[in-house]
Amino acid sequence: MPDATILRKTLRDLRWHIVGWGLGLATLAAILVLLFPTIAEQFEGIELENLGFGEIEDVSDPRQFLQLEFFTWSPILMTVFSIIVGGALLAAEEGRGTLEVLLSQPLSRRGLFLGKLAGAAIAVVVILAIAGIGFLLSAPLVDLKGEVTGGELAIAPFVLLPFAWFVIAATVLAATLTPTRGRAAGLMTFGAAASYVLNIIAGLAESLSWLRFFSPYYYSDTQRVLTDGPVWQHQALLLVAATACVALALVAFERREIGVGRSPLAALLGRERSAGGEAEAAPEPRPARQP
């Protein structure tokens, strides 16, 4: 079970992240809603070509406009947040030397690990709720043509919840398997950028559509949340993947050599190399002396 003290401490440490990212997304949501009447008037009757961001044809439709604008940028922003938080969740404490102090208390590694993860998961929920408030407060101020309500828009950001949890879990896994926080962040940044580009390429042509199945962004359903609704199998798949990453990261963290920047993977590779070197250095047996 998550340690309650660690959970509260994690939320306290993340409070400014929550406020900053939440208000940022809420501001983006409100600005886009308030800009919609002007954009709709300019693009009335104009069809857009496929740009790889889902089936968007008419930006004078509030659902399609907000899906194109908000739900194109919000996955990127939540990816950045998740990599920053996931990478620092345990690695930052280890780098400062405070992780050893925490573990010197009557506290299990599992309780510490789950408390940190639970705090990060709750932080994502609060950020998306604040983003929804941005929609809720701005929607009554403009004419959305009766196509979508403020309540629908307020709930829509939560489609990013399983996706953000998955990215955090994957980043924590990378951080427990690599010696430093920087390497984990670099690995996850490369993976996120590659999968995002892959998802865009998959949307450019029907012959390339199969590529989308290799991108977590496709399973986030942000390209269809307002027009067709989320696919619950996709959301479940992300949750299963996040759970698997958490389980693997927990095993790796319990075996990690805290304070020396040595992960179980590095230790295993080191032992294999050491064993190989010893085998090569072993002297050949001398032939028996003839009587």
C-alpha atoms as a PDB file:
ATOM      1  CA  MET A   1       0.000   0.000   0.000  1.00  0.00           C
ATOM      2  CA  PRO A   2       1.170   3.585  -0.639  1.00  0.00           C
ATOM      3  CA  ASP A   3       2.641   5.284   2.407  1.00  0.00           C
ATOM      4  CA  ALA A   4       0.273   8.103   3.402  1.00  0.00           C
ATOM      5  CA  THR A   5       3.057  10.400   4.587  1.00  0.00           C
ATOM      6  CA  ILE A   6       4.980   9.999   1.332  1.00  0.00           C
ATOM      7  CA  LEU A   7       1.766  10.577  -0.626  1.00  0.00           C
ATOM      8  CA  ARG A   8       1.105  13.874   1.157  1.00  0.00           C
ATOM      9  CA  LYS A   9       4.731  14.949   0.771  1.00  0.00           C
ATOM     10  CA  THR A  10       4.657  14.182  -2.964  1.00  0.00           C
ATOM     11  CA  LEU A  11       1.510  16.235  -3.466  1.00  0.00           C
ATOM     12  CA  ARG A  12       3.041  19.071  -1.462  1.00  0.00           C
ATOM     13  CA  ASP A  13       6.197  18.941  -3.585  1.00  0.00           C
ATOM     14  CA  LEU A  14       4.124  18.957  -6.779  1.00  0.00           C
ATOM     15  CA  ARG A  15       1.718  21.715  -5.740  1.00  0.00           C
ATOM     16  CA  TRP A  16       3.289  24.387  -7.951  1.00  0.00           C
ATOM     17  CA  HIS A  17       3.503  21.973 -10.864  1.00  0.00           C
ATOM     18  CA  ILE A  18      -0.203  21.294 -10.420  1.00  0.00           C
ATOM     19  CA  VAL A  19      -1.084  24.988 -10.254  1.00  0.00           C
ATOM     20  CA  GLY A  20       1.146  25.987 -13.157  1.00  0.00           C
ATOM     21  CA  TRP A  21       0.275  23.205 -15.585  1.00  0.00           C
ATOM     22  CA  GLY A  22      -3.393  23.220 -14.594  1.00  0.00           C
ATOM     23  CA  LEU A  23      -3.803  26.966 -15.065  1.00  0.00           C
ATOM     24  CA  GLY A  24      -1.813  26.786 -18.292  1.00  0.00           C
ATOM     25  CA  LEU A  25      -4.153  24.207 -19.793  1.00  0.00           C
ATOM     26  CA  ALA A  26      -7.212  26.019 -18.417  1.00  0.00           C
ATOM     27  CA  THR A  27      -6.030  29.279 -19.984  1.00  0.00           C
ATOM     28  CA  LEU A  28      -5.419  27.546 -23.309  1.00  0.00           C
ATOM     29  CA  ALA A  29      -8.903  26.026 -23.173  1.00  0.00           C
ATOM     30  CA  ALA A  30     -10.573  29.341 -22.328  1.00  0.00           C
ATOM     31  CA  ILE A  31      -8.704  31.287 -25.021  1.00  0.00           C
ATOM     32  CA  LEU A  32      -9.630  28.758 -27.699  1.00  0.00           C
ATOM     33  CA  VAL A  33     -13.294  28.800 -26.682  1.00  0.00           C
ATOM     34  CA  LEU A  34     -13.383  32.609 -26.709  1.00  0.00           C
ATOM     35  CA  LEU A  35     -11.662  32.699 -30.111  1.00  0.00           C
ATOM     36  CA  PHE A  36     -14.044  30.197 -31.655  1.00  0.00           C
ATOM     37  CA  PRO A  37     -16.710  32.662 -32.937  1.00  0.00           C
ATOM     38  CA  THR A  38     -14.058  34.664 -34.816  1.00  0.00           C
ATOM     39  CA  ILE A  39     -12.414  31.553 -36.283  1.00  0.00           C
ATOM     40  CA  ALA A  40     -15.770  30.040 -37.214  1.00  0.00           C
ATOM     41  CA  GLU A  41     -16.787  33.196 -39.077  1.00  0.00           C
ATOM     42  CA  GLN A  42     -13.560  33.270 -41.087  1.00  0.00           C
ATOM     43  CA  PHE A  43     -13.584  29.558 -41.976  1.00  0.00           C
ATOM     44  CA  GLU A  44     -17.319  29.133 -42.565  1.00  0.00           C
ATOM     45  CA  GLY A  45     -17.831  26.600 -45.355  1.00  0.00           C
ATOM     46  CA  ILE A  46     -14.107  26.007 -45.896  1.00  0.00           C
ATOM     47  CA  GLU A  47     -12.988  22.380 -45.791  1.00  0.00           C
ATOM     48  CA  LEU A  48      -9.502  21.549 -44.592  1.00  0.00           C
ATOM     49  CA  GLU A  49      -7.209  18.964 -46.112  1.00  0.00           C
ATOM     50  CA  ASN A  50      -6.068  16.041 -44.017  1.00  0.00           C
ATOM     51  CA  LEU A  51      -3.197  17.327 -41.881  1.00  0.00           C
ATOM     52  CA  GLY A  52      -2.663  14.150 -39.903  1.00  0.00           C
ATOM     53  CA  PHE A  53      -4.538  15.347 -36.811  1.00  0.00           C
ATOM     54  CA  GLY A  54      -7.662  13.243 -37.151  1.00  0.00           C
ATOM     55  CA  GLU A  55     -10.749  13.651 -39.277  1.00  0.00           C
ATOM     56  CA  ILE A  56     -11.118  17.442 -39.127  1.00  0.00           C
ATOM     57  CA  GLU A  57     -13.031  18.932 -42.040  1.00  0.00           C
ATOM     58  CA  ASP A  58     -14.868  22.002 -40.751  1.00  0.00           C
ATOM     59  CA  VAL A  59     -13.336  24.232 -38.069  1.00  0.00           C
ATOM     60  CA  SER A  60     -16.556  26.248 -37.914  1.00  0.00           C
ATOM     61  CA  ASP A  61     -17.876  23.253 -35.966  1.00  0.00           C
ATOM     62  CA  PRO A  62     -16.926  23.832 -32.297  1.00  0.00           C
ATOM     63  CA  ARG A  63     -16.282  20.147 -31.677  1.00  0.00           C
ATOM     64  CA  GLN A  64     -13.873  19.855 -34.585  1.00  0.00           C
ATOM     65  CA  PHE A  65     -12.212  23.202 -33.859  1.00  0.00           C
ATOM     66  CA  LEU A  66     -11.510  22.461 -30.197  1.00  0.00           C
ATOM     67  CA  GLN A  67     -10.433  18.936 -31.023  1.00  0.00           C
ATOM     68  CA  LEU A  68      -7.977  20.256 -33.603  1.00  0.00           C
ATOM     69  CA  GLU A  69      -6.585  22.993 -31.374  1.00  0.00           C
ATOM     70  CA  PHE A  70      -6.775  21.964 -27.717  1.00  0.00           C
ATOM     71  CA  PHE A  71      -6.454  18.223 -28.165  1.00  0.00           C
ATOM     72  CA  THR A  72      -3.490  18.570 -30.493  1.00  0.00           C
ATOM     73  CA  TRP A  73      -1.453  20.569 -27.988  1.00  0.00           C
ATOM     74  CA  SER A  74      -2.630  19.113 -24.686  1.00  0.00           C
ATOM     75  CA  PRO A  75      -1.137  15.616 -25.266  1.00  0.00           C
ATOM     76  CA  ILE A  76       2.241  17.218 -25.969  1.00  0.00           C
ATOM     77  CA  LEU A  77       2.027  19.366 -22.833  1.00  0.00           C
ATOM     78  CA  MET A  78       0.965  16.416 -20.682  1.00  0.00           C
ATOM     79  CA  THR A  79       3.811  14.360 -22.118  1.00  0.00           C
ATOM     80  CA  VAL A  80       6.308  17.043 -21.075  1.00  0.00           C
ATOM     81  CA  PHE A  81       4.778  17.234 -17.594  1.00  0.00           C
ATOM     82  CA  SER A  82       4.762  13.448 -17.208  1.00  0.00           C
ATOM     83  CA  ILE A  83       8.398  13.056 -18.261  1.00  0.00           C
ATOM     84  CA  ILE A  84       9.520  15.861 -15.925  1.00  0.00           C
ATOM     85  CA  VAL A  85       7.605  14.490 -12.947  1.00  0.00           C
ATOM     86  CA  GLY A  86       8.219  10.816 -13.666  1.00  0.00           C
ATOM     87  CA  GLY A  87      11.934  11.377 -14.082  1.00  0.00           C
ATOM     88  CA  ALA A  88      12.247  13.372 -10.861  1.00  0.00           C
ATOM     89  CA  LEU A  89       9.906  11.294  -8.726  1.00  0.00           C
ATOM     90  CA  LEU A  90      12.634   9.010  -7.355  1.00  0.00           C
ATOM     91  CA  ALA A  91      15.778  10.024  -9.239  1.00  0.00           C
ATOM     92  CA  ALA A  92      15.746  13.599  -7.908  1.00  0.00           C
ATOM     93  CA  GLU A  93      15.589  12.351  -4.315  1.00  0.00           C
ATOM     94  CA  GLU A  94      18.427   9.943  -5.044  1.00  0.00           C
ATOM     95  CA  GLY A  95      20.528  12.673  -6.637  1.00  0.00           C
ATOM     96  CA  ARG A  96      20.096  14.950  -3.597  1.00  0.00           C
ATOM     97  CA  GLY A  97      20.929  12.103  -1.244  1.00  0.00           C
ATOM     98  CA  THR A  98      17.559  12.345   0.537  1.00  0.00           C
ATOM     99  CA  LEU A  99      16.308   8.980  -0.700  1.00  0.00           C
ATOM    100  CA  GLU A 100      18.765   7.170   1.569  1.00  0.00           C
ATOM    101  CA  VAL A 101      17.572   9.276   4.499  1.00  0.00           C
ATOM    102  CA  LEU A 102      13.948   8.390   3.783  1.00  0.00           C
ATOM    103  CA  LEU A 103      14.741   4.699   3.532  1.00  0.00           C
ATOM    104  CA  SER A 104      16.648   4.826   6.830  1.00  0.00           C
ATOM    105  CA  GLN A 105      13.282   5.447   8.498  1.00  0.00           C
ATOM    106  CA  PRO A 106      10.869   2.586   9.272  1.00  0.00           C
ATOM    107  CA  LEU A 107       9.585   2.752   5.701  1.00  0.00           C
ATOM    108  CA  SER A 108       9.596   0.029   3.079  1.00  0.00           C
ATOM    109  CA  ARG A 109      10.797   0.649  -0.446  1.00  0.00           C
ATOM    110  CA  ARG A 110       7.437  -0.499  -1.738  1.00  0.00           C
ATOM    111  CA  GLY A 111       5.520   1.959   0.440  1.00  0.00           C
ATOM    112  CA  LEU A 112       7.811   4.780  -0.671  1.00  0.00           C
ATOM    113  CA  PHE A 113       7.539   3.830  -4.341  1.00  0.00           C
ATOM    114  CA  LEU A 114       3.750   3.474  -4.343  1.00  0.00           C
ATOM    115  CA  GLY A 115       3.304   6.670  -2.318  1.00  0.00           C
ATOM    116  CA  LYS A 116       5.317   8.621  -4.881  1.00  0.00           C
ATOM    117  CA  LEU A 117       3.410   7.102  -7.802  1.00  0.00           C
ATOM    118  CA  ALA A 118       0.030   7.706  -6.166  1.00  0.00           C
ATOM    119  CA  GLY A 119       0.909  11.360  -5.599  1.00  0.00           C
ATOM    120  CA  ALA A 120       1.889  11.813  -9.241  1.00  0.00           C
ATOM    121  CA  ALA A 121      -1.289  10.063 -10.407  1.00  0.00           C
ATOM    122  CA  ILE A 122      -3.472  12.349  -8.272  1.00  0.00           C
ATOM    123  CA  ALA A 123      -1.578  15.387  -9.569  1.00  0.00           C
ATOM    124  CA  VAL A 124      -2.576  14.463 -13.131  1.00  0.00           C
ATOM    125  CA  VAL A 125      -6.237  14.184 -12.099  1.00  0.00           C
ATOM    126  CA  VAL A 126      -6.166  17.653 -10.523  1.00  0.00           C
ATOM    127  CA  ILE A 127      -4.422  19.228 -13.533  1.00  0.00           C
ATOM    128  CA  LEU A 128      -7.007  17.839 -15.954  1.00  0.00           C
ATOM    129  CA  ALA A 129      -9.813  18.941 -13.639  1.00  0.00           C
ATOM    130  CA  ILE A 130      -8.444  22.500 -13.653  1.00  0.00           C
ATOM    131  CA  ALA A 131      -8.254  22.341 -17.462  1.00  0.00           C
ATOM    132  CA  GLY A 132     -11.903  21.285 -17.524  1.00  0.00           C
ATOM    133  CA  ILE A 133     -12.815  24.280 -15.365  1.00  0.00           C
ATOM    134  CA  GLY A 134     -11.308  26.504 -18.061  1.00  0.00           C
ATOM    135  CA  PHE A 135     -13.801  25.072 -20.536  1.00  0.00           C
ATOM    136  CA  LEU A 136     -16.657  25.228 -18.047  1.00  0.00           C
ATOM    137  CA  LEU A 137     -16.162  28.919 -17.263  1.00  0.00           C
ATOM    138  CA  SER A 138     -15.630  30.099 -20.844  1.00  0.00           C
ATOM    139  CA  ALA A 139     -18.227  28.040 -22.727  1.00  0.00           C
ATOM    140  CA  PRO A 140     -21.273  30.053 -21.493  1.00  0.00           C
ATOM    141  CA  LEU A 141     -19.665  33.287 -22.753  1.00  0.00           C
ATOM    142  CA  VAL A 142     -19.763  32.408 -26.471  1.00  0.00           C
ATOM    143  CA  ASP A 143     -22.129  30.861 -28.993  1.00  0.00           C
ATOM    144  CA  LEU A 144     -21.088  27.258 -29.575  1.00  0.00           C
ATOM    145  CA  LYS A 145     -24.031  26.776 -31.960  1.00  0.00           C
ATOM    146  CA  GLY A 146     -25.634  24.295 -29.601  1.00  0.00           C
ATOM    147  CA  GLU A 147     -23.199  21.634 -30.801  1.00  0.00           C
ATOM    148  CA  VAL A 148     -21.448  21.033 -27.488  1.00  0.00           C
ATOM    149  CA  THR A 149     -22.062  21.975 -23.862  1.00  0.00           C
ATOM    150  CA  GLY A 150     -19.686  23.271 -21.246  1.00  0.00           C
ATOM    151  CA  GLY A 151     -20.166  20.076 -19.262  1.00  0.00           C
ATOM    152  CA  GLU A 152     -19.031  17.921 -22.177  1.00  0.00           C
ATOM    153  CA  LEU A 153     -15.975  20.091 -22.668  1.00  0.00           C
ATOM    154  CA  ALA A 154     -15.146  20.004 -18.952  1.00  0.00           C
ATOM    155  CA  ILE A 155     -15.088  16.202 -18.953  1.00  0.00           C
ATOM    156  CA  ALA A 156     -13.195  15.817 -22.233  1.00  0.00           C
ATOM    157  CA  PRO A 157      -9.657  16.501 -20.853  1.00  0.00           C
ATOM    158  CA  PHE A 158      -9.924  13.386 -18.691  1.00  0.00           C
ATOM    159  CA  VAL A 159      -9.428  11.315 -21.839  1.00  0.00           C
ATOM    160  CA  LEU A 160      -5.735  12.109 -21.280  1.00  0.00           C
ATOM    161  CA  LEU A 161      -5.698  10.472 -17.847  1.00  0.00           C
ATOM    162  CA  PRO A 162      -4.649   6.914 -18.848  1.00  0.00           C
ATOM    163  CA  PHE A 163      -2.167   8.319 -21.362  1.00  0.00           C
ATOM    164  CA  ALA A 164      -0.474  10.592 -18.809  1.00  0.00           C
ATOM    165  CA  TRP A 165      -0.374   7.784 -16.243  1.00  0.00           C
ATOM    166  CA  PHE A 166       1.278   5.544 -18.817  1.00  0.00           C
ATOM    167  CA  VAL A 167       3.952   8.137 -19.652  1.00  0.00           C
ATOM    168  CA  ILE A 168       4.707   8.702 -15.954  1.00  0.00           C
ATOM    169  CA  ALA A 169       4.946   4.954 -15.332  1.00  0.00           C
ATOM    170  CA  ALA A 170       7.178   4.424 -18.371  1.00  0.00           C
ATOM    171  CA  THR A 171       9.440   7.294 -17.284  1.00  0.00           C
ATOM    172  CA  VAL A 172       9.741   5.916 -13.756  1.00  0.00           C
ATOM    173  CA  LEU A 173      10.621   2.527 -15.245  1.00  0.00           C
ATOM    174  CA  ALA A 174      13.289   4.136 -17.413  1.00  0.00           C
ATOM    175  CA  ALA A 175      14.639   6.011 -14.382  1.00  0.00           C
ATOM    176  CA  THR A 176      14.955   2.815 -12.337  1.00  0.00           C
ATOM    177  CA  LEU A 177      16.732   0.988 -15.169  1.00  0.00           C
ATOM    178  CA  THR A 178      19.228   3.733 -16.041  1.00  0.00           C
ATOM    179  CA  PRO A 179      22.008   5.175 -13.871  1.00  0.00           C
ATOM    180  CA  THR A 180      20.918   8.822 -14.031  1.00  0.00           C
ATOM    181  CA  ARG A 181      17.803  10.939 -14.328  1.00  0.00           C
ATOM    182  CA  GLY A 182      19.183  12.650 -17.441  1.00  0.00           C
ATOM    183  CA  ARG A 183      19.498   9.409 -19.370  1.00  0.00           C
ATOM    184  CA  ALA A 184      15.953   8.409 -18.494  1.00  0.00           C
ATOM    185  CA  ALA A 185      14.604  11.809 -19.575  1.00  0.00           C
ATOM    186  CA  GLY A 186      16.560  11.672 -22.823  1.00  0.00           C
ATOM    187  CA  LEU A 187      15.322   8.175 -23.593  1.00  0.00           C
ATOM    188  CA  MET A 188      11.696   9.093 -22.899  1.00  0.00           C
ATOM    189  CA  THR A 189      11.912  12.364 -24.840  1.00  0.00           C
ATOM    190  CA  PHE A 190      13.220  10.517 -27.874  1.00  0.00           C
ATOM    191  CA  GLY A 191      10.501   7.876 -27.570  1.00  0.00           C
ATOM    192  CA  ALA A 192       7.746  10.472 -27.162  1.00  0.00           C
ATOM    193  CA  ALA A 193       8.912  12.534 -30.142  1.00  0.00           C
ATOM    194  CA  ALA A 194       9.262   9.462 -32.354  1.00  0.00           C
ATOM    195  CA  SER A 195       5.822   8.109 -31.451  1.00  0.00           C
ATOM    196  CA  TYR A 196       4.179  11.519 -31.995  1.00  0.00           C
ATOM    197  CA  VAL A 197       5.732  11.895 -35.448  1.00  0.00           C
ATOM    198  CA  LEU A 198       4.727   8.315 -36.235  1.00  0.00           C
ATOM    199  CA  ASN A 199       1.126   9.079 -35.301  1.00  0.00           C
ATOM    200  CA  ILE A 200       1.069  12.142 -37.575  1.00  0.00           C
ATOM    201  CA  ILE A 201       2.585  10.235 -40.495  1.00  0.00           C
ATOM    202  CA  ALA A 202       0.008   7.480 -40.043  1.00  0.00           C
ATOM    203  CA  GLY A 203      -2.778  10.022 -40.502  1.00  0.00           C
ATOM    204  CA  LEU A 204      -1.464  11.454 -43.765  1.00  0.00           C
ATOM    205  CA  ALA A 205      -2.325   8.510 -46.004  1.00  0.00           C
ATOM    206  CA  GLU A 206      -4.486   5.412 -45.763  1.00  0.00           C
ATOM    207  CA  SER A 207      -1.575   3.203 -46.800  1.00  0.00           C
ATOM    208  CA  LEU A 208       0.358   4.371 -43.734  1.00  0.00           C
ATOM    209  CA  SER A 209      -2.494   4.064 -41.237  1.00  0.00           C
ATOM    210  CA  TRP A 210      -1.106   0.830 -39.781  1.00  0.00           C
ATOM    211  CA  LEU A 211       1.766   2.798 -38.247  1.00  0.00           C
ATOM    212  CA  ARG A 212      -0.588   4.389 -35.719  1.00  0.00           C
ATOM    213  CA  PHE A 213      -0.857   1.126 -33.789  1.00  0.00           C
ATOM    214  CA  PHE A 214       2.751   1.611 -32.656  1.00  0.00           C
ATOM    215  CA  SER A 215       2.090   5.042 -31.126  1.00  0.00           C
ATOM    216  CA  PRO A 216       0.641   5.610 -27.628  1.00  0.00           C
ATOM    217  CA  TYR A 217      -0.795   8.896 -28.919  1.00  0.00           C
ATOM    218  CA  TYR A 218      -3.216   6.952 -31.097  1.00  0.00           C
ATOM    219  CA  TYR A 219      -4.584   5.120 -28.065  1.00  0.00           C
ATOM    220  CA  SER A 220      -5.066   8.391 -26.162  1.00  0.00           C
ATOM    221  CA  ASP A 221      -8.110   9.086 -28.424  1.00  0.00           C
ATOM    222  CA  THR A 222      -7.511  12.838 -28.362  1.00  0.00           C
ATOM    223  CA  GLN A 223      -8.125  12.961 -32.122  1.00  0.00           C
ATOM    224  CA  ARG A 224     -11.679  11.710 -31.692  1.00  0.00           C
ATOM    225  CA  VAL A 225     -12.779  12.547 -28.159  1.00  0.00           C
ATOM    226  CA  LEU A 226     -15.206  15.358 -29.119  1.00  0.00           C
ATOM    227  CA  THR A 227     -16.377  14.028 -32.479  1.00  0.00           C
ATOM    228  CA  ASP A 228     -16.712  10.285 -31.921  1.00  0.00           C
ATOM    229  CA  GLY A 229     -15.900   9.763 -28.271  1.00  0.00           C
ATOM    230  CA  PRO A 230     -13.085   7.701 -26.756  1.00  0.00           C
ATOM    231  CA  VAL A 231     -12.564   4.016 -27.488  1.00  0.00           C
ATOM    232  CA  TRP A 232     -12.687   2.358 -24.098  1.00  0.00           C
ATOM    233  CA  GLN A 233     -10.525  -0.546 -25.252  1.00  0.00           C
ATOM    234  CA  HIS A 234      -7.779   1.972 -26.029  1.00  0.00           C
ATOM    235  CA  GLN A 235      -8.089   3.516 -22.577  1.00  0.00           C
ATOM    236  CA  ALA A 236      -7.992   0.080 -20.955  1.00  0.00           C
ATOM    237  CA  LEU A 237      -4.901  -0.861 -22.963  1.00  0.00           C
ATOM    238  CA  LEU A 238      -3.059   2.237 -21.735  1.00  0.00           C
ATOM    239  CA  LEU A 239      -4.025   1.415 -18.145  1.00  0.00           C
ATOM    240  CA  VAL A 240      -2.765  -2.152 -18.545  1.00  0.00           C
ATOM    241  CA  ALA A 241       0.500  -0.870 -20.042  1.00  0.00           C
ATOM    242  CA  ALA A 242       0.874   1.642 -17.192  1.00  0.00           C
ATOM    243  CA  THR A 243       0.271  -1.096 -14.611  1.00  0.00           C
ATOM    244  CA  ALA A 244       2.887  -3.313 -16.260  1.00  0.00           C
ATOM    245  CA  CYS A 245       5.431  -0.471 -16.218  1.00  0.00           C
ATOM    246  CA  VAL A 246       4.708   0.209 -12.539  1.00  0.00           C
ATOM    247  CA  ALA A 247       5.157  -3.469 -11.650  1.00  0.00           C
ATOM    248  CA  LEU A 248       8.476  -3.698 -13.507  1.00  0.00           C
ATOM    249  CA  ALA A 249       9.676  -0.391 -12.060  1.00  0.00           C
ATOM    250  CA  LEU A 250       8.829  -1.565  -8.532  1.00  0.00           C
ATOM    251  CA  VAL A 251      10.890  -4.731  -8.989  1.00  0.00           C
ATOM    252  CA  ALA A 252      13.797  -2.690 -10.381  1.00  0.00           C
ATOM    253  CA  PHE A 253      13.575  -0.103  -7.579  1.00  0.00           C
ATOM    254  CA  GLU A 254      13.609  -2.764  -4.873  1.00  0.00           C
ATOM    255  CA  ARG A 255      16.861  -4.114  -6.356  1.00  0.00           C
ATOM    256  CA  ARG A 256      18.467  -0.776  -7.132  1.00  0.00           C
ATOM    257  CA  GLU A 257      21.669   0.214  -5.327  1.00  0.00           C
ATOM    258  CA  ILE A 258      20.576   3.555  -3.878  1.00  0.00           C
ATOM    259  CA  GLY A 259      23.148   6.330  -3.793  1.00  0.00           C
ATOM    260  CA  VAL A 260      25.624   4.866  -6.261  1.00  0.00           C
ATOM    261  CA  GLY A 261      23.622   5.494  -9.441  1.00  0.00           C
ATOM    262  CA  ARG A 262      23.720   1.794 -10.262  1.00  0.00           C
ATOM    263  CA  SER A 263      20.540   0.210 -11.599  1.00  0.00           C
ATOM    264  CA  PRO A 264      19.758  -3.532 -11.620  1.00  0.00           C
ATOM    265  CA  LEU A 265      20.268  -3.548 -15.381  1.00  0.00           C
ATOM    266  CA  ALA A 266      23.672  -1.872 -15.090  1.00  0.00           C
ATOM    267  CA  ALA A 267      24.639  -4.214 -12.276  1.00  0.00           C
ATOM    268  CA  LEU A 268      23.636  -7.237 -14.341  1.00  0.00           C
ATOM    269  CA  LEU A 269      25.596  -6.034 -17.359  1.00  0.00           C
ATOM    270  CA  GLY A 270      28.545  -5.262 -15.112  1.00  0.00           C
ATOM    271  CA  ARG A 271      28.545  -8.763 -13.648  1.00  0.00           C
ATOM    272  CA  GLU A 272      28.349 -10.299 -17.116  1.00  0.00           C
ATOM    273  CA  ARG A 273      31.300  -8.225 -18.304  1.00  0.00           C
ATOM    274  CA  SER A 274      33.243  -9.013 -15.149  1.00  0.00           C
ATOM    275  CA  ALA A 275      32.581 -12.716 -15.549  1.00  0.00           C
ATOM    276  CA  GLY A 276      33.663 -12.544 -19.181  1.00  0.00           C
ATOM    277  CA  GLY A 277      36.845 -10.695 -18.271  1.00  0.00           C
ATOM    278  CA  GLU A 278      37.717 -13.189 -15.559  1.00  0.00           C
ATOM    279  CA  ALA A 279      37.172 -16.055 -17.970  1.00  0.00           C
ATOM    280  CA  GLU A 280      39.497 -14.427 -20.499  1.00  0.00           C
ATOM    281  CA  ALA A 281      42.109 -13.680 -17.867  1.00  0.00           C
ATOM    282  CA  ALA A 282      42.104 -17.197 -16.415  1.00  0.00           C
ATOM    283  CA  PRO A 283      45.517 -18.809 -17.019  1.00  0.00           C
ATOM    284  CA  GLU A 284      45.717 -21.848 -19.197  1.00  0.00           C
ATOM    285  CA  PRO A 285      46.556 -25.063 -17.316  1.00  0.00           C
ATOM    286  CA  ARG A 286      50.190 -26.134 -17.638  1.00  0.00           C
ATOM    287  CA  PRO A 287      50.896 -29.508 -19.209  1.00  0.00           C
ATOM    288  CA  ALA A 288      51.924 -32.221 -16.786  1.00  0.00           C
ATOM    289  CA  ARG A 289      55.714 -32.655 -16.464  1.00  0.00           C
ATOM    290  CA  GLN A 290      57.041 -35.819 -18.016  1.00  0.00           C
ATOM    291  CA  PRO A 291      58.819 -38.148 -15.602  1.00  0.00           C
END
